[in-house]
């Protein structure tokens, strides 16, 4: 298994500046070296980046029809949170910044998450998992608890 890989997720957006403003309110920064009038490189972590690409630019990279995320789920993009409270803060900020709700909170005790759609309709989740469950695996953690 590789020791480390970077991940770049590419998503089409209708209004690049509006998308940058939305994700900026969620605390994400942008790498200006890889940002121009057609795309923005959103930094999720040192190893994960989301490329927000204007729909026209996104279509340059595929021969297939670009999905309309407001009517079709093409992916579920999930980011981690440091605590249950951080999940709520993040999701609440998304909802007050132009996102829309995407279902009820998911509470499994050792794992908690919420979902929302960004302004372009992409489905996002923010999840927290008890560090002990991360270490041992959810099934073993559940067995230890019960």
Foldseek 3Di string as FASTA:
>chain_A
DDPAAAEEAEDEDADAVLLCVLVVLLVWDWDPVPDDPFWTWTDQDPRYTYIYGHPVVVVVVDPDDHDQLQVDAPDEAEEEAADLVRQVVSVVSSVVSQKAFDDDWDCPPQKTKGWIAHNSNHIYMYMYGNVVCVVPPVVVVVVVVD
